Amino acid sequence: MVFWSLYSCSCWCSSSRLIFWKIRYATLDGFDAVKICTGYRLNGQDYDYFPAHAADQAGVEPVYEEIEGWSESTAGARSWADLPAQAIKYIRRIEELIGCPVTLVSTSPERDDTILVRDPFAD
């Protein structure tokens, strides 16, 4: 089981674009399920943001959404078609949750292993 938080991801997000640059799919490959942190629970109340106060942070419980994982390797993928269907569903679900389209996906530390999902400069 892998846990991924929308609130502590390695990404850059402007008001209208999201770029994953350190999501190494090789670390997600092979898991039956992947959990995405979609919010936090504190004293029985749900929040869609990470509390700012240190005392609240110490007592917060993450709220996860679980999605099906994938067994195929994504390391070094250079096109959308190279990704397993479940990896694409994972990316699309992240987009839905944050309300921002993904423009680039990096699949390894190599510069060429980057998928241009959509033009990051297009309106």
PDB file of N, CA and C in Angstrom:
ATOM      1  N   MET A   1       0.844  -1.166   0.000  1.00  0.00           N
ATOM      2  CA  MET A   1       0.000   0.000   0.000  1.00  0.00           C
ATOM      3  C   MET A   1       0.894   1.235   0.000  1.00  0.00           C
ATOM      4  N   VAL A   2       0.632   2.162  -0.877  1.00  0.00           N
ATOM      5  CA  VAL A   2       1.390   3.401  -0.962  1.00  0.00           C
ATOM      6  C   VAL A   2       0.467   4.544  -0.578  1.00  0.00           C
ATOM      7  N   PHE A   3       0.997   5.493   0.146  1.00  0.00           N
ATOM      8  CA  PHE A   3       0.224   6.653   0.550  1.00  0.00           C
ATOM      9  C   PHE A   3       0.789   7.877  -0.156  1.00  0.00           C
ATOM     10  N   TRP A   4      -0.074   8.673  -0.693  1.00  0.00           N
ATOM     11  CA  TRP A   4       0.352   9.878  -1.385  1.00  0.00           C
ATOM     12  C   TRP A   4      -0.543  11.004  -0.931  1.00  0.00           C
ATOM     13  N   SER A   5       0.013  12.079  -0.509  1.00  0.00           N
ATOM     14  CA  SER A   5      -0.775  13.191  -0.008  1.00  0.00           C
ATOM     15  C   SER A   5      -0.813  14.316  -1.021  1.00  0.00           C
ATOM     16  N   LEU A   6      -2.017  14.819  -1.248  1.00  0.00           N
ATOM     17  CA  LEU A   6      -2.158  15.963  -2.138  1.00  0.00           C
ATOM     18  C   LEU A   6      -1.534  17.212  -1.530  1.00  0.00           C
ATOM     19  N   TYR A   7      -1.330  17.171  -0.233  1.00  0.00           N
ATOM     20  CA  TYR A   7      -0.881  18.358   0.466  1.00  0.00           C
ATOM     21  C   TYR A   7       0.614  18.354   0.743  1.00  0.00           C
ATOM     22  N   SER A   8       1.306  17.313   0.376  1.00  0.00           N
ATOM     23  CA  SER A   8       2.761  17.287   0.569  1.00  0.00           C
ATOM     24  C   SER A   8       3.437  16.630  -0.631  1.00  0.00           C
ATOM     25  N   CYS A   9       2.949  16.944  -1.819  1.00  0.00           N
ATOM     26  CA  CYS A   9       3.475  16.318  -3.024  1.00  0.00           C
ATOM     27  C   CYS A   9       4.675  17.076  -3.563  1.00  0.00           C
ATOM     28  N   SER A  10       5.451  16.398  -4.385  1.00  0.00           N
ATOM     29  CA  SER A  10       6.552  17.046  -5.079  1.00  0.00           C
ATOM     30  C   SER A  10       6.005  17.528  -6.413  1.00  0.00           C
ATOM     31  N   CYS A  11       5.521  18.732  -6.428  1.00  0.00           N
ATOM     32  CA  CYS A  11       4.930  19.254  -7.653  1.00  0.00           C
ATOM     33  C   CYS A  11       4.991  20.762  -7.637  1.00  0.00           C
ATOM     34  N   TRP A  12       4.696  21.334  -8.758  1.00  0.00           N
ATOM     35  CA  TRP A  12       4.555  22.765  -8.884  1.00  0.00           C
ATOM     36  C   TRP A  12       3.170  23.009  -9.427  1.00  0.00           C
ATOM     37  N   CYS A  13       2.454  23.894  -8.813  1.00  0.00           N
ATOM     38  CA  CYS A  13       1.103  24.168  -9.278  1.00  0.00           C
ATOM     39  C   CYS A  13       0.895  25.668  -9.325  1.00  0.00           C
ATOM     40  N   SER A  14       0.618  26.162 -10.512  1.00  0.00           N
ATOM     41  CA  SER A  14       0.208  27.551 -10.622  1.00  0.00           C
ATOM     42  C   SER A  14      -1.294  27.550 -10.438  1.00  0.00           C
ATOM     43  N   SER A  15      -1.935  28.619 -10.750  1.00  0.00           N
ATOM     44  CA  SER A  15      -3.382  28.660 -10.573  1.00  0.00           C
ATOM     45  C   SER A  15      -4.100  27.784 -11.589  1.00  0.00           C
ATOM     46  N   SER A  16      -3.396  27.355 -12.629  1.00  0.00           N
ATOM     47  CA  SER A  16      -4.096  26.591 -13.660  1.00  0.00           C
ATOM     48  C   SER A  16      -3.347  25.378 -14.197  1.00  0.00           C
ATOM     49  N   ARG A  17      -2.173  25.048 -13.658  1.00  0.00           N
ATOM     50  CA  ARG A  17      -1.386  23.926 -14.175  1.00  0.00           C
ATOM     51  C   ARG A  17      -0.733  23.166 -13.023  1.00  0.00           C
ATOM     52  N   LEU A  18      -0.497  21.877 -13.239  1.00  0.00           N
ATOM     53  CA  LEU A  18       0.222  21.064 -12.250  1.00  0.00           C
ATOM     54  C   LEU A  18       1.289  20.270 -12.976  1.00  0.00           C
ATOM     55  N   ILE A  19       2.494  20.283 -12.413  1.00  0.00           N
ATOM     56  CA  ILE A  19       3.597  19.510 -12.977  1.00  0.00           C
ATOM     57  C   ILE A  19       4.120  18.589 -11.879  1.00  0.00           C
ATOM     58  N   PHE A  20       4.097  17.274 -12.138  1.00  0.00           N
ATOM     59  CA  PHE A  20       4.718  16.315 -11.233  1.00  0.00           C
ATOM     60  C   PHE A  20       6.152  16.162 -11.697  1.00  0.00           C
ATOM     61  N   TRP A  21       7.110  16.523 -10.869  1.00  0.00           N
ATOM     62  CA  TRP A  21       8.480  16.331 -11.307  1.00  0.00           C
ATOM     63  C   TRP A  21       9.241  15.318 -10.465  1.00  0.00           C
ATOM     64  N   LYS A  22       8.711  14.897  -9.362  1.00  0.00           N
ATOM     65  CA  LYS A  22       9.414  13.892  -8.577  1.00  0.00           C
ATOM     66  C   LYS A  22       8.528  12.698  -8.274  1.00  0.00           C
ATOM     67  N   ILE A  23       7.467  12.520  -9.028  1.00  0.00           N
ATOM     68  CA  ILE A  23       6.669  11.322  -8.857  1.00  0.00           C
ATOM     69  C   ILE A  23       7.376  10.260  -9.661  1.00  0.00           C
ATOM     70  N   ARG A  24       8.048   9.405  -8.995  1.00  0.00           N
ATOM     71  CA  ARG A  24       8.748   8.320  -9.656  1.00  0.00           C
ATOM     72  C   ARG A  24       7.810   7.133  -9.642  1.00  0.00           C
ATOM     73  N   TYR A  25       7.207   6.895 -10.775  1.00  0.00           N
ATOM     74  CA  TYR A  25       6.234   5.820 -10.835  1.00  0.00           C
ATOM     75  C   TYR A  25       6.835   4.477 -10.442  1.00  0.00           C
ATOM     76  N   ALA A  26       8.142   4.337 -10.595  1.00  0.00           N
ATOM     77  CA  ALA A  26       8.763   3.075 -10.199  1.00  0.00           C
ATOM     78  C   ALA A  26       8.487   2.778  -8.728  1.00  0.00           C
ATOM     79  N   THR A  27       8.299   3.811  -7.921  1.00  0.00           N
ATOM     80  CA  THR A  27       7.996   3.588  -6.511  1.00  0.00           C
ATOM     81  C   THR A  27       6.541   3.207  -6.302  1.00  0.00           C
ATOM     82  N   LEU A  28       5.675   3.456  -7.255  1.00  0.00           N
ATOM     83  CA  LEU A  28       4.257   3.094  -7.147  1.00  0.00           C
ATOM     84  C   LEU A  28       3.945   1.796  -7.883  1.00  0.00           C
ATOM     85  N   ASP A  29       4.813   1.391  -8.769  1.00  0.00           N
ATOM     86  CA  ASP A  29       4.586   0.159  -9.537  1.00  0.00           C
ATOM     87  C   ASP A  29       4.516  -1.055  -8.616  1.00  0.00           C
ATOM     88  N   GLY A  30       3.609  -1.965  -8.937  1.00  0.00           N
ATOM     89  CA  GLY A  30       3.558  -3.236  -8.241  1.00  0.00           C
ATOM     90  C   GLY A  30       2.692  -3.295  -7.000  1.00  0.00           C
ATOM     91  N   PHE A  31       2.064  -2.196  -6.630  1.00  0.00           N
ATOM     92  CA  PHE A  31       1.197  -2.205  -5.461  1.00  0.00           C
ATOM     93  C   PHE A  31      -0.239  -2.520  -5.872  1.00  0.00           C
ATOM     94  N   ASP A  32      -0.921  -3.302  -5.045  1.00  0.00           N
ATOM     95  CA  ASP A  32      -2.319  -3.640  -5.318  1.00  0.00           C
ATOM     96  C   ASP A  32      -3.219  -2.420  -5.221  1.00  0.00           C
ATOM     97  N   ALA A  33      -2.866  -1.493  -4.333  1.00  0.00           N
ATOM     98  CA  ALA A  33      -3.672  -0.292  -4.125  1.00  0.00           C
ATOM     99  C   ALA A  33      -2.763   0.876  -3.792  1.00  0.00           C
ATOM    100  N   VAL A  34      -3.232   2.068  -4.108  1.00  0.00           N
ATOM    101  CA  VAL A  34      -2.534   3.304  -3.784  1.00  0.00           C
ATOM    102  C   VAL A  34      -3.524   4.172  -3.028  1.00  0.00           C
ATOM    103  N   LYS A  35      -3.094   4.733  -1.912  1.00  0.00           N
ATOM    104  CA  LYS A  35      -3.954   5.616  -1.136  1.00  0.00           C
ATOM    105  C   LYS A  35      -3.552   7.065  -1.398  1.00  0.00           C
ATOM    106  N   ILE A  36      -4.556   7.900  -1.595  1.00  0.00           N
ATOM    107  CA  ILE A  36      -4.346   9.332  -1.788  1.00  0.00           C
ATOM    108  C   ILE A  36      -4.951  10.038  -0.585  1.00  0.00           C
ATOM    109  N   CYS A  37      -4.164  10.861   0.075  1.00  0.00           N
ATOM    110  CA  CYS A  37      -4.676  11.628   1.202  1.00  0.00           C
ATOM    111  C   CYS A  37      -5.517  12.771   0.633  1.00  0.00           C
ATOM    112  N   THR A  38      -6.802  12.758   0.949  1.00  0.00           N
ATOM    113  CA  THR A  38      -7.726  13.753   0.405  1.00  0.00           C
ATOM    114  C   THR A  38      -8.179  14.775   1.430  1.00  0.00           C
ATOM    115  N   GLY A  39      -7.802  14.584   2.673  1.00  0.00           N
ATOM    116  CA  GLY A  39      -8.201  15.516   3.721  1.00  0.00           C
ATOM    117  C   GLY A  39      -7.667  15.066   5.059  1.00  0.00           C
ATOM    118  N   TYR A  40      -8.161  15.725   6.105  1.00  0.00           N
ATOM    119  CA  TYR A  40      -7.702  15.440   7.454  1.00  0.00           C
ATOM    120  C   TYR A  40      -8.872  15.462   8.416  1.00  0.00           C
ATOM    121  N   ARG A  41      -8.789  14.651   9.460  1.00  0.00           N
ATOM    122  CA  ARG A  41      -9.819  14.587  10.495  1.00  0.00           C
ATOM    123  C   ARG A  41      -9.183  14.996  11.813  1.00  0.00           C
ATOM    124  N   LEU A  42      -9.841  15.920  12.495  1.00  0.00           N
ATOM    125  CA  LEU A  42      -9.376  16.407  13.784  1.00  0.00           C
ATOM    126  C   LEU A  42     -10.569  16.512  14.713  1.00  0.00           C
ATOM    127  N   ASN A  43     -10.514  15.782  15.807  1.00  0.00           N
ATOM    128  CA  ASN A  43     -11.600  15.785  16.793  1.00  0.00           C
ATOM    129  C   ASN A  43     -12.956  15.494  16.157  1.00  0.00           C
ATOM    130  N   GLY A  44     -12.972  14.547  15.227  1.00  0.00           N
ATOM    131  CA  GLY A  44     -14.219  14.132  14.592  1.00  0.00           C
ATOM    132  C   GLY A  44     -14.695  15.027  13.461  1.00  0.00           C
ATOM    133  N   GLN A  45     -13.994  16.099  13.178  1.00  0.00           N
ATOM    134  CA  GLN A  45     -14.383  17.018  12.107  1.00  0.00           C
ATOM    135  C   GLN A  45     -13.424  16.873  10.934  1.00  0.00           C
ATOM    136  N   ASP A  46     -13.970  16.825   9.711  1.00  0.00           N
ATOM    137  CA  ASP A  46     -13.151  16.691   8.503  1.00  0.00           C
ATOM    138  C   ASP A  46     -12.761  18.054   7.952  1.00  0.00           C
ATOM    139  N   TYR A  47     -11.507  18.131   7.472  1.00  0.00           N
ATOM    140  CA  TYR A  47     -10.979  19.354   6.863  1.00  0.00           C
ATOM    141  C   TYR A  47     -10.380  18.999   5.507  1.00  0.00           C
ATOM    142  N   ASP A  48     -10.454  19.928   4.566  1.00  0.00           N
ATOM    143  CA  ASP A  48      -9.842  19.702   3.257  1.00  0.00           C
ATOM    144  C   ASP A  48      -8.495  20.419   3.145  1.00  0.00           C
ATOM    145  N   TYR A  49      -7.926  20.778   4.266  1.00  0.00           N
ATOM    146  CA  TYR A  49      -6.620  21.415   4.313  1.00  0.00           C
ATOM    147  C   TYR A  49      -5.873  20.928   5.553  1.00  0.00           C
ATOM    148  N   PHE A  50      -4.557  21.051   5.515  1.00  0.00           N
ATOM    149  CA  PHE A  50      -3.722  20.660   6.648  1.00  0.00           C
ATOM    150  C   PHE A  50      -3.747  21.798   7.660  1.00  0.00           C
ATOM    151  N   PRO A  51      -4.080  21.516   8.905  1.00  0.00           N
ATOM    152  CA  PRO A  51      -4.169  22.583   9.908  1.00  0.00           C
ATOM    153  C   PRO A  51      -2.854  23.347  10.070  1.00  0.00           C
ATOM    154  N   ALA A  52      -2.963  24.629  10.292  1.00  0.00           N
ATOM    155  CA  ALA A  52      -1.782  25.479  10.416  1.00  0.00           C
ATOM    156  C   ALA A  52      -1.159  25.424  11.808  1.00  0.00           C
ATOM    157  N   HIS A  53      -1.950  25.198  12.821  1.00  0.00           N
ATOM    158  CA  HIS A  53      -1.457  25.219  14.198  1.00  0.00           C
ATOM    159  C   HIS A  53      -0.741  23.911  14.538  1.00  0.00           C
ATOM    160  N   ALA A  54       0.437  24.016  15.139  1.00  0.00           N
ATOM    161  CA  ALA A  54       1.248  22.841  15.453  1.00  0.00           C
ATOM    162  C   ALA A  54       0.522  21.847  16.352  1.00  0.00           C
ATOM    163  N   ALA A  55      -0.238  22.330  17.312  1.00  0.00           N
ATOM    164  CA  ALA A  55      -0.974  21.431  18.206  1.00  0.00           C
ATOM    165  C   ALA A  55      -2.031  20.641  17.434  1.00  0.00           C
ATOM    166  N   ASP A  56      -2.684  21.283  16.473  1.00  0.00           N
ATOM    167  CA  ASP A  56      -3.674  20.596  15.640  1.00  0.00           C
ATOM    168  C   ASP A  56      -2.992  19.579  14.727  1.00  0.00           C
ATOM    169  N   GLN A  57      -1.840  19.933  14.194  1.00  0.00           N
ATOM    170  CA  GLN A  57      -1.102  19.024  13.320  1.00  0.00           C
ATOM    171  C   GLN A  57      -0.720  17.742  14.045  1.00  0.00           C
ATOM    172  N   ALA A  58      -0.389  17.856  15.309  1.00  0.00           N
ATOM    173  CA  ALA A  58       0.010  16.687  16.089  1.00  0.00           C
ATOM    174  C   ALA A  58      -1.142  15.707  16.288  1.00  0.00           C
ATOM    175  N   GLY A  59      -2.378  16.207  16.277  1.00  0.00           N
ATOM    176  CA  GLY A  59      -3.529  15.343  16.528  1.00  0.00           C
ATOM    177  C   GLY A  59      -4.348  15.001  15.311  1.00  0.00           C
ATOM    178  N   VAL A  60      -3.907  15.437  14.156  1.00  0.00           N
ATOM    179  CA  VAL A  60      -4.690  15.239  12.946  1.00  0.00           C
ATOM    180  C   VAL A  60      -4.555  13.800  12.427  1.00  0.00           C
ATOM    181  N   GLU A  61      -5.621  13.306  11.828  1.00  0.00           N
ATOM    182  CA  GLU A  61      -5.628  11.971  11.222  1.00  0.00           C
ATOM    183  C   GLU A  61      -5.891  12.129   9.724  1.00  0.00           C
ATOM    184  N   PRO A  62      -5.033  11.573   8.868  1.00  0.00           N
ATOM    185  CA  PRO A  62      -5.270  11.696   7.427  1.00  0.00           C
ATOM    186  C   PRO A  62      -6.510  10.904   6.999  1.00  0.00           C
ATOM    187  N   VAL A  63      -7.197  11.427   5.990  1.00  0.00           N
ATOM    188  CA  VAL A  63      -8.342  10.745   5.378  1.00  0.00           C
ATOM    189  C   VAL A  63      -7.885  10.309   3.986  1.00  0.00           C
ATOM    190  N   TYR A  64      -7.990   9.012   3.704  1.00  0.00           N
ATOM    191  CA  TYR A  64      -7.476   8.465   2.460  1.00  0.00           C
ATOM    192  C   TYR A  64      -8.587   7.989   1.536  1.00  0.00           C
ATOM    193  N   GLU A  65      -8.307   8.129   0.255  1.00  0.00           N
ATOM    194  CA  GLU A  65      -9.108   7.495  -0.791  1.00  0.00           C
ATOM    195  C   GLU A  65      -8.215   6.428  -1.404  1.00  0.00           C
ATOM    196  N   GLU A  66      -8.710   5.231  -1.521  1.00  0.00           N
ATOM    197  CA  GLU A  66      -7.910   4.138  -2.063  1.00  0.00           C
ATOM    198  C   GLU A  66      -8.318   3.867  -3.504  1.00  0.00           C
ATOM    199  N   ILE A  67      -7.308   3.779  -4.375  1.00  0.00           N
ATOM    200  CA  ILE A  67      -7.569   3.425  -5.767  1.00  0.00           C
ATOM    201  C   ILE A  67      -6.743   2.193  -6.130  1.00  0.00           C
ATOM    202  N   GLU A  68      -7.166   1.507  -7.155  1.00  0.00           N
ATOM    203  CA  GLU A  68      -6.468   0.305  -7.607  1.00  0.00           C
ATOM    204  C   GLU A  68      -5.085   0.655  -8.130  1.00  0.00           C
ATOM    205  N   GLY A  69      -4.103  -0.155  -7.766  1.00  0.00           N
ATOM    206  CA  GLY A  69      -2.745   0.050  -8.237  1.00  0.00           C
ATOM    207  C   GLY A  69      -2.507  -0.623  -9.579  1.00  0.00           C
ATOM    208  N   TRP A  70      -1.241  -0.742  -9.965  1.00  0.00           N
ATOM    209  CA  TRP A  70      -0.884  -1.373 -11.229  1.00  0.00           C
ATOM    210  C   TRP A  70       0.393  -2.177 -11.044  1.00  0.00           C
ATOM    211  N   SER A  71       0.536  -3.203 -11.861  1.00  0.00           N
ATOM    212  CA  SER A  71       1.704  -4.080 -11.738  1.00  0.00           C
ATOM    213  C   SER A  71       2.763  -3.792 -12.805  1.00  0.00           C
ATOM    214  N   GLU A  72       2.386  -3.150 -13.880  1.00  0.00           N
ATOM    215  CA  GLU A  72       3.331  -2.867 -14.963  1.00  0.00           C
ATOM    216  C   GLU A  72       4.312  -1.769 -14.549  1.00  0.00           C
ATOM    217  N   SER A  73       5.485  -1.801 -15.151  1.00  0.00           N
ATOM    218  CA  SER A  73       6.495  -0.778 -14.876  1.00  0.00           C
ATOM    219  C   SER A  73       6.187   0.499 -15.652  1.00  0.00           C
ATOM    220  N   THR A  74       6.382   1.603 -14.982  1.00  0.00           N
ATOM    221  CA  THR A  74       6.209   2.902 -15.633  1.00  0.00           C
ATOM    222  C   THR A  74       7.551   3.630 -15.765  1.00  0.00           C
ATOM    223  N   ALA A  75       8.599   3.051 -15.216  1.00  0.00           N
ATOM    224  CA  ALA A  75       9.918   3.685 -15.240  1.00  0.00           C
ATOM    225  C   ALA A  75      10.357   3.920 -16.682  1.00  0.00           C
ATOM    226  N   GLY A  76      10.715   5.163 -16.965  1.00  0.00           N
ATOM    227  CA  GLY A  76      11.210   5.499 -18.287  1.00  0.00           C
ATOM    228  C   GLY A  76      10.134   5.722 -19.336  1.00  0.00           C
ATOM    229  N   ALA A  77       8.871   5.683 -18.955  1.00  0.00           N
ATOM    230  CA  ALA A  77       7.805   5.946 -19.933  1.00  0.00           C
ATOM    231  C   ALA A  77       7.970   7.356 -20.484  1.00  0.00           C
ATOM    232  N   ARG A  78       7.781   7.485 -21.785  1.00  0.00           N
ATOM    233  CA  ARG A  78       7.964   8.784 -22.433  1.00  0.00           C
ATOM    234  C   ARG A  78       6.738   9.268 -23.176  1.00  0.00           C
ATOM    235  N   SER A  79       5.674   8.486 -23.112  1.00  0.00           N
ATOM    236  CA  SER A  79       4.417   8.933 -23.731  1.00  0.00           C
ATOM    237  C   SER A  79       3.250   8.448 -22.884  1.00  0.00           C
ATOM    238  N   TRP A  80       2.127   9.125 -23.025  1.00  0.00           N
ATOM    239  CA  TRP A  80       0.908   8.778 -22.300  1.00  0.00           C
ATOM    240  C   TRP A  80       0.528   7.324 -22.577  1.00  0.00           C
ATOM    241  N   ALA A  81       0.725   6.883 -23.817  1.00  0.00           N
ATOM    242  CA  ALA A  81       0.381   5.516 -24.217  1.00  0.00           C
ATOM    243  C   ALA A  81       1.264   4.475 -23.530  1.00  0.00           C
ATOM    244  N   ASP A  82       2.433   4.864 -23.052  1.00  0.00           N
ATOM    245  CA  ASP A  82       3.333   3.941 -22.361  1.00  0.00           C
ATOM    246  C   ASP A  82       2.907   3.648 -20.926  1.00  0.00           C
ATOM    247  N   LEU A  83       2.002   4.454 -20.384  1.00  0.00           N
ATOM    248  CA  LEU A  83       1.571   4.276 -18.994  1.00  0.00           C
ATOM    249  C   LEU A  83       0.462   3.244 -18.888  1.00  0.00           C
ATOM    250  N   PRO A  84       0.453   2.445 -17.822  1.00  0.00           N
ATOM    251  CA  PRO A  84      -0.660   1.523 -17.585  1.00  0.00           C
ATOM    252  C   PRO A  84      -1.960   2.301 -17.366  1.00  0.00           C
ATOM    253  N   ALA A  85      -3.076   1.694 -17.696  1.00  0.00           N
ATOM    254  CA  ALA A  85      -4.381   2.350 -17.567  1.00  0.00           C
ATOM    255  C   ALA A  85      -4.623   2.846 -16.141  1.00  0.00           C
ATOM    256  N   GLN A  86      -4.233   2.056 -15.141  1.00  0.00           N
ATOM    257  CA  GLN A  86      -4.472   2.464 -13.753  1.00  0.00           C
ATOM    258  C   GLN A  86      -3.605   3.656 -13.353  1.00  0.00           C
ATOM    259  N   ALA A  87      -2.400   3.779 -13.914  1.00  0.00           N
ATOM    260  CA  ALA A  87      -1.554   4.939 -13.641  1.00  0.00           C
ATOM    261  C   ALA A  87      -2.205   6.198 -14.218  1.00  0.00           C
ATOM    262  N   ILE A  88      -2.806   6.071 -15.381  1.00  0.00           N
ATOM    263  CA  ILE A  88      -3.512   7.204 -15.990  1.00  0.00           C
ATOM    264  C   ILE A  88      -4.725   7.573 -15.137  1.00  0.00           C
ATOM    265  N   LYS A  89      -5.450   6.569 -14.651  1.00  0.00           N
ATOM    266  CA  LYS A  89      -6.598   6.841 -13.773  1.00  0.00           C
ATOM    267  C   LYS A  89      -6.146   7.553 -12.506  1.00  0.00           C
ATOM    268  N   TYR A  90      -4.994   7.166 -11.987  1.00  0.00           N
ATOM    269  CA  TYR A  90      -4.418   7.807 -10.806  1.00  0.00           C
ATOM    270  C   TYR A  90      -4.168   9.302 -11.075  1.00  0.00           C
ATOM    271  N   ILE A  91      -3.527   9.599 -12.185  1.00  0.00           N
ATOM    272  CA  ILE A  91      -3.243  10.988 -12.544  1.00  0.00           C
ATOM    273  C   ILE A  91      -4.543  11.766 -12.731  1.00  0.00           C
ATOM    274  N   ARG A  92      -5.502  11.177 -13.417  1.00  0.00           N
ATOM    275  CA  ARG A  92      -6.786  11.847 -13.648  1.00  0.00           C
ATOM    276  C   ARG A  92      -7.524  12.112 -12.336  1.00  0.00           C
ATOM    277  N   ARG A  93      -7.416  11.178 -11.395  1.00  0.00           N
ATOM    278  CA  ARG A  93      -8.075  11.378 -10.097  1.00  0.00           C
ATOM    279  C   ARG A  93      -7.418  12.518  -9.333  1.00  0.00           C
ATOM    280  N   ILE A  94      -6.090  12.616  -9.393  1.00  0.00           N
ATOM    281  CA  ILE A  94      -5.391  13.745  -8.765  1.00  0.00           C
ATOM    282  C   ILE A  94      -5.898  15.057  -9.365  1.00  0.00           C
ATOM    283  N   GLU A  95      -6.025  15.095 -10.686  1.00  0.00           N
ATOM    284  CA  GLU A  95      -6.537  16.295 -11.351  1.00  0.00           C
ATOM    285  C   GLU A  95      -7.918  16.660 -10.823  1.00  0.00           C
ATOM    286  N   GLU A  96      -8.792  15.666 -10.714  1.00  0.00           N
ATOM    287  CA  GLU A  96     -10.155  15.910 -10.216  1.00  0.00           C
ATOM    288  C   GLU A  96     -10.132  16.464  -8.794  1.00  0.00           C
ATOM    289  N   LEU A  97      -9.312  15.869  -7.952  1.00  0.00           N
ATOM    290  CA  LEU A  97      -9.291  16.266  -6.549  1.00  0.00           C
ATOM    291  C   LEU A  97      -8.775  17.677  -6.338  1.00  0.00           C
ATOM    292  N   ILE A  98      -7.788  18.088  -7.116  1.00  0.00           N
ATOM    293  CA  ILE A  98      -7.221  19.424  -6.908  1.00  0.00           C
ATOM    294  C   ILE A  98      -7.784  20.476  -7.859  1.00  0.00           C
ATOM    295  N   GLY A  99      -8.555  20.031  -8.855  1.00  0.00           N
ATOM    296  CA  GLY A  99      -9.151  20.979  -9.787  1.00  0.00           C
ATOM    297  C   GLY A  99      -8.142  21.682 -10.664  1.00  0.00           C
ATOM    298  N   CYS A 100      -7.094  20.969 -11.029  1.00  0.00           N
ATOM    299  CA  CYS A 100      -6.010  21.556 -11.817  1.00  0.00           C
ATOM    300  C   CYS A 100      -5.462  20.482 -12.751  1.00  0.00           C
ATOM    301  N   PRO A 101      -5.312  20.772 -14.040  1.00  0.00           N
ATOM    302  CA  PRO A 101      -4.811  19.750 -14.966  1.00  0.00           C
ATOM    303  C   PRO A 101      -3.315  19.495 -14.804  1.00  0.00           C
ATOM    304  N   VAL A 102      -2.927  18.251 -14.986  1.00  0.00           N
ATOM    305  CA  VAL A 102      -1.517  17.881 -15.003  1.00  0.00           C
ATOM    306  C   VAL A 102      -0.985  18.171 -16.397  1.00  0.00           C
ATOM    307  N   THR A 103       0.155  18.833 -16.481  1.00  0.00           N
ATOM    308  CA  THR A 103       0.733  19.155 -17.784  1.00  0.00           C
ATOM    309  C   THR A 103       1.947  18.286 -18.106  1.00  0.00           C
ATOM    310  N   LEU A 104       2.765  17.977 -17.099  1.00  0.00           N
ATOM    311  CA  LEU A 104       3.971  17.172 -17.294  1.00  0.00           C
ATOM    312  C   LEU A 104       4.038  16.093 -16.223  1.00  0.00           C
ATOM    313  N   VAL A 105       4.545  14.919 -16.613  1.00  0.00           N
ATOM    314  CA  VAL A 105       4.762  13.825 -15.665  1.00  0.00           C
ATOM    315  C   VAL A 105       6.165  13.276 -15.897  1.00  0.00           C
ATOM    316  N   SER A 106       6.953  13.235 -14.831  1.00  0.00           N
ATOM    317  CA  SER A 106       8.292  12.665 -14.917  1.00  0.00           C
ATOM    318  C   SER A 106       8.247  11.234 -14.425  1.00  0.00           C
ATOM    319  N   THR A 107       8.857  10.318 -15.170  1.00  0.00           N
ATOM    320  CA  THR A 107       8.815   8.905 -14.801  1.00  0.00           C
ATOM    321  C   THR A 107      10.172   8.355 -14.379  1.00  0.00           C
ATOM    322  N   SER A 108      11.179   9.204 -14.334  1.00  0.00           N
ATOM    323  CA  SER A 108      12.499   8.808 -13.837  1.00  0.00           C
ATOM    324  C   SER A 108      13.311  10.084 -13.636  1.00  0.00           C
ATOM    325  N   PRO A 109      14.510   9.957 -13.083  1.00  0.00           N
ATOM    326  CA  PRO A 109      15.357  11.137 -12.927  1.00  0.00           C
ATOM    327  C   PRO A 109      15.895  11.679 -14.255  1.00  0.00           C
ATOM    328  N   GLU A 110      15.792  10.887 -15.316  1.00  0.00           N
ATOM    329  CA  GLU A 110      16.313  11.309 -16.617  1.00  0.00           C
ATOM    330  C   GLU A 110      15.390  12.360 -17.259  1.00  0.00           C
ATOM    331  N   ARG A 111      15.996  13.401 -17.780  1.00  0.00           N
ATOM    332  CA  ARG A 111      15.246  14.496 -18.375  1.00  0.00           C
ATOM    333  C   ARG A 111      14.320  14.034 -19.504  1.00  0.00           C
ATOM    334  N   ASP A 112      14.789  13.087 -20.320  1.00  0.00           N
ATOM    335  CA  ASP A 112      13.990  12.624 -21.457  1.00  0.00           C
ATOM    336  C   ASP A 112      12.781  11.786 -21.046  1.00  0.00           C
ATOM    337  N   ASP A 113      12.769  11.305 -19.817  1.00  0.00           N
ATOM    338  CA  ASP A 113      11.663  10.474 -19.345  1.00  0.00           C
ATOM    339  C   ASP A 113      10.552  11.345 -18.760  1.00  0.00           C
ATOM    340  N   THR A 114      10.115  12.273 -19.566  1.00  0.00           N
ATOM    341  CA  THR A 114       9.068  13.216 -19.178  1.00  0.00           C
ATOM    342  C   THR A 114       7.956  13.166 -20.209  1.00  0.00           C
ATOM    343  N   ILE A 115       6.749  13.060 -19.724  1.00  0.00           N
ATOM    344  CA  ILE A 115       5.583  13.000 -20.604  1.00  0.00           C
ATOM    345  C   ILE A 115       4.916  14.369 -20.618  1.00  0.00           C
ATOM    346  N   LEU A 116       4.795  14.928 -21.795  1.00  0.00           N
ATOM    347  CA  LEU A 116       4.060  16.177 -21.969  1.00  0.00           C
ATOM    348  C   LEU A 116       2.587  15.801 -22.148  1.00  0.00           C
ATOM    349  N   VAL A 117       1.803  15.991 -21.106  1.00  0.00           N
ATOM    350  CA  VAL A 117       0.382  15.636 -21.144  1.00  0.00           C
ATOM    351  C   VAL A 117      -0.397  16.680 -21.931  1.00  0.00           C
ATOM    352  N   ARG A 118      -0.080  17.935 -21.695  1.00  0.00           N
ATOM    353  CA  ARG A 118      -0.668  19.053 -22.443  1.00  0.00           C
ATOM    354  C   ARG A 118       0.302  20.223 -22.402  1.00  0.00           C
ATOM    355  N   ASP A 119       0.159  21.133 -23.310  1.00  0.00           N
ATOM    356  CA  ASP A 119       1.052  22.284 -23.383  1.00  0.00           C
ATOM    357  C   ASP A 119       0.905  23.120 -22.104  1.00  0.00           C
ATOM    358  N   PRO A 120       1.980  23.282 -21.335  1.00  0.00           N
ATOM    359  CA  PRO A 120       1.867  24.031 -20.085  1.00  0.00           C
ATOM    360  C   PRO A 120       1.651  25.533 -20.286  1.00  0.00           C
ATOM    361  N   PHE A 121       1.841  26.018 -21.510  1.00  0.00           N
ATOM    362  CA  PHE A 121       1.697  27.445 -21.768  1.00  0.00           C
ATOM    363  C   PHE A 121       0.415  27.776 -22.520  1.00  0.00           C
ATOM    364  N   ALA A 122      -0.342  26.769 -22.890  1.00  0.00           N
ATOM    365  CA  ALA A 122      -1.608  27.016 -23.595  1.00  0.00           C
ATOM    366  C   ALA A 122      -2.661  27.481 -22.603  1.00  0.00           C
ATOM    367  N   ASP A 123      -3.584  28.267 -23.093  1.00  0.00           N
ATOM    368  CA  ASP A 123      -4.679  28.747 -22.219  1.00  0.00           C
ATOM    369  C   ASP A 123      -5.768  27.728 -22.092  1.00  0.00           C
TER     370      ASP A 123
END
